[in-house]
Amino acid sequence: MTLPENDTRTPVPAVARRAVLAGAGVAAVGAVAACGGGATTDDTEQQQAGDVPQGAPGTVLGPASEVPVGGGKIYSEAQIVVTQPAAGQFTGLSTICTHAGCTVNAVADGAIVCPCHQSRFGLDGAVVQGPATQPLPQRPVTVADGSIALA
């Protein structure tokens, strides 16, 4: 490339332009990758309500005496909360909130509580307070010889 005599610009080699564009492309890909991610609200693992829960039928969760009447107990490894709305009446429910897939983490004041957006479910899994609009899925359990097991 030749420049007119009065032009003082220095030509930029094509290789330098390619290197700059390639570097910009790599930086853009890195920025996009950094923006994605698996961050969850309040460090609570998010899942889909339809995810397959852990534990095979017959898996013993624990003694029935651990589940208070009018309350419940969360068995995290099996992804199940067992409630006892009335004496001798046990209900198994998924611990996966139907709103955003967070794991419920407490049974308090007669309700199952999701920490992500404060959805509350009754001891039967019905929505008591949103934003969830669907009940917690039922998980069948049995009680025999004083132990609760997955059915």
Protein backbone atom coordinates (compact mmCIF):
# COMPACT_ATOMS: atom_id res chain seq x y z
CA MET A 1 0.00 0.00 0.00
CA THR A 2 1.41 3.38 -0.94
CA LEU A 3 0.55 6.63 0.71
CA PRO A 4 0.39 10.01 -0.96
CA GLU A 5 3.42 12.15 -0.19
CA ASN A 6 1.55 14.50 2.18
CA ASP A 7 -0.20 11.65 4.15
CA THR A 8 1.62 10.97 7.42
CA ARG A 9 -0.51 8.02 8.54
CA THR A 10 1.21 4.74 9.18
CA PRO A 11 -0.55 1.75 7.65
CA VAL A 12 -1.75 -0.86 10.17
CA PRO A 13 -0.87 -4.36 9.11
CA ALA A 14 -3.84 -6.70 8.52
CA VAL A 15 -2.39 -9.23 10.98
CA ALA A 16 -2.64 -6.73 13.85
CA ARG A 17 -6.30 -6.04 13.09
CA ARG A 18 -7.06 -9.77 13.02
CA ALA A 19 -5.32 -10.26 16.36
CA VAL A 20 -7.35 -7.46 17.95
CA LEU A 21 -10.62 -8.85 16.59
CA ALA A 22 -9.75 -12.39 17.70
CA GLY A 23 -8.88 -11.13 21.19
CA ALA A 24 -12.15 -9.22 21.39
CA GLY A 25 -14.06 -12.35 20.37
CA VAL A 26 -12.38 -14.44 23.06
CA ALA A 27 -13.11 -11.76 25.67
CA ALA A 28 -16.78 -11.63 24.62
CA VAL A 29 -17.16 -15.40 24.91
CA GLY A 30 -15.55 -15.31 28.36
CA ALA A 31 -17.88 -12.54 29.50
CA VAL A 32 -20.96 -14.41 28.32
CA ALA A 33 -19.80 -17.61 30.03
CA ALA A 34 -19.21 -15.72 33.28
CA CYS A 35 -22.73 -14.30 33.20
CA GLY A 36 -24.38 -17.70 33.05
CA GLY A 37 -24.33 -19.93 36.04
CA GLY A 38 -26.04 -22.02 38.58
CA ALA A 39 -26.42 -19.48 41.35
CA THR A 40 -29.38 -20.17 43.58
CA THR A 41 -31.28 -17.98 45.93
CA ASP A 42 -30.02 -18.01 49.52
CA ASP A 43 -27.60 -20.85 48.72
CA THR A 44 -30.61 -23.18 48.50
CA GLU A 45 -30.35 -25.84 45.85
CA GLN A 46 -32.98 -25.35 43.16
CA GLN A 47 -34.62 -28.27 41.42
CA GLN A 48 -37.73 -28.96 39.46
CA ALA A 49 -40.77 -30.15 41.37
CA GLY A 50 -40.96 -33.19 39.08
CA ASP A 51 -37.34 -34.28 39.73
CA VAL A 52 -37.07 -37.90 40.80
CA PRO A 53 -36.65 -37.96 44.57
CA GLN A 54 -34.02 -40.04 46.33
CA GLY A 55 -34.70 -43.32 48.06
CA ALA A 56 -36.18 -46.59 46.92
CA PRO A 57 -39.47 -48.00 48.19
CA GLY A 58 -38.90 -49.65 51.54
CA THR A 59 -36.17 -47.21 52.56
CA VAL A 60 -36.63 -46.54 56.28
CA LEU A 61 -36.59 -42.82 57.02
CA GLY A 62 -36.68 -42.98 60.80
CA PRO A 63 -38.87 -43.58 63.81
CA ALA A 64 -42.45 -42.28 63.65
CA SER A 65 -41.86 -40.71 67.06
CA GLU A 66 -39.60 -38.10 65.36
CA VAL A 67 -42.61 -36.58 63.58
CA PRO A 68 -44.63 -34.42 65.98
CA VAL A 69 -48.43 -34.33 65.84
CA GLY A 70 -49.36 -31.05 64.11
CA GLY A 71 -45.88 -30.76 62.62
CA GLY A 72 -43.39 -32.58 60.46
CA LYS A 73 -39.82 -33.64 59.88
CA ILE A 74 -37.66 -33.11 56.80
CA TYR A 75 -35.58 -36.06 55.59
CA SER A 76 -33.14 -34.20 53.34
CA GLU A 77 -31.35 -37.17 51.79
CA ALA A 78 -34.64 -38.69 50.62
CA GLN A 79 -36.02 -35.26 49.57
CA ILE A 80 -39.16 -35.86 51.60
CA VAL A 81 -40.98 -34.13 54.42
CA VAL A 82 -43.23 -36.33 56.55
CA THR A 83 -46.04 -34.60 58.41
CA GLN A 84 -48.49 -35.80 61.03
CA PRO A 85 -51.55 -33.53 60.82
CA ALA A 86 -53.41 -35.71 63.35
CA ALA A 87 -52.23 -38.47 65.66
CA GLY A 88 -51.33 -41.55 63.61
CA GLN A 89 -51.99 -39.85 60.24
CA PHE A 90 -48.70 -39.53 58.30
CA THR A 91 -48.28 -37.76 54.97
CA GLY A 92 -45.20 -37.80 52.75
CA LEU A 93 -44.48 -34.82 50.51
CA SER A 94 -41.68 -33.75 48.19
CA THR A 95 -39.30 -31.16 49.63
CA ILE A 96 -39.05 -29.43 46.22
CA CYS A 97 -41.06 -26.20 46.16
CA THR A 98 -43.39 -25.98 43.18
CA HIS A 99 -42.68 -22.27 42.70
CA ALA A 100 -38.98 -22.08 41.87
CA GLY A 101 -37.59 -25.51 42.71
CA CYS A 102 -35.92 -24.58 45.98
CA THR A 103 -35.79 -27.11 48.80
CA VAL A 104 -38.16 -26.43 51.70
CA ASN A 105 -36.18 -26.19 54.90
CA ALA A 106 -38.56 -25.91 57.83
CA VAL A 107 -41.83 -27.08 59.29
CA ALA A 108 -43.02 -24.38 61.67
CA ASP A 109 -46.36 -23.26 63.08
CA GLY A 110 -48.23 -25.97 61.18
CA ALA A 111 -46.72 -25.05 57.81
CA ILE A 112 -43.92 -26.22 55.52
CA VAL A 113 -41.77 -23.22 54.59
CA CYS A 114 -39.69 -22.53 51.48
CA PRO A 115 -36.78 -20.15 52.19
CA CYS A 116 -36.44 -18.74 48.67
CA HIS A 117 -39.64 -16.73 48.33
CA GLN A 118 -41.46 -17.62 51.56
CA SER A 119 -44.09 -19.90 50.06
CA ARG A 120 -45.92 -21.80 52.79
CA PHE A 121 -47.66 -25.14 52.47
CA GLY A 122 -50.10 -26.85 54.81
CA LEU A 123 -49.26 -30.18 56.43
CA ASP A 124 -51.17 -31.80 53.56
CA GLY A 125 -48.99 -30.01 50.97
CA ALA A 126 -51.66 -27.48 49.91
CA VAL A 127 -50.51 -23.91 49.21
CA VAL A 128 -51.24 -21.66 52.19
CA GLN A 129 -49.24 -18.63 51.01
CA GLY A 130 -47.69 -17.94 47.59
CA PRO A 131 -45.98 -17.22 45.36
CA ALA A 132 -46.30 -21.00 44.81
CA THR A 133 -49.60 -21.92 43.15
CA GLN A 134 -49.30 -25.72 43.07
CA PRO A 135 -49.25 -28.05 46.10
CA LEU A 136 -46.19 -30.08 47.06
CA PRO A 137 -46.29 -33.46 45.29
CA GLN A 138 -47.34 -36.41 47.45
CA ARG A 139 -44.73 -39.06 48.33
CA PRO A 140 -46.30 -42.26 49.67
CA VAL A 141 -45.02 -43.47 53.04
CA THR A 142 -45.88 -46.36 55.32
CA VAL A 143 -45.62 -46.72 59.07
CA ALA A 144 -44.88 -50.17 60.48
CA ASP A 145 -43.33 -51.26 63.76
CA GLY A 146 -42.87 -47.61 64.75
CA SER A 147 -40.80 -46.73 61.65
CA ILE A 148 -41.60 -44.55 58.66
CA ALA A 149 -40.55 -45.93 55.26
CA LEU A 150 -40.96 -44.93 51.64
CA ALA A 151 -43.82 -46.87 50.04
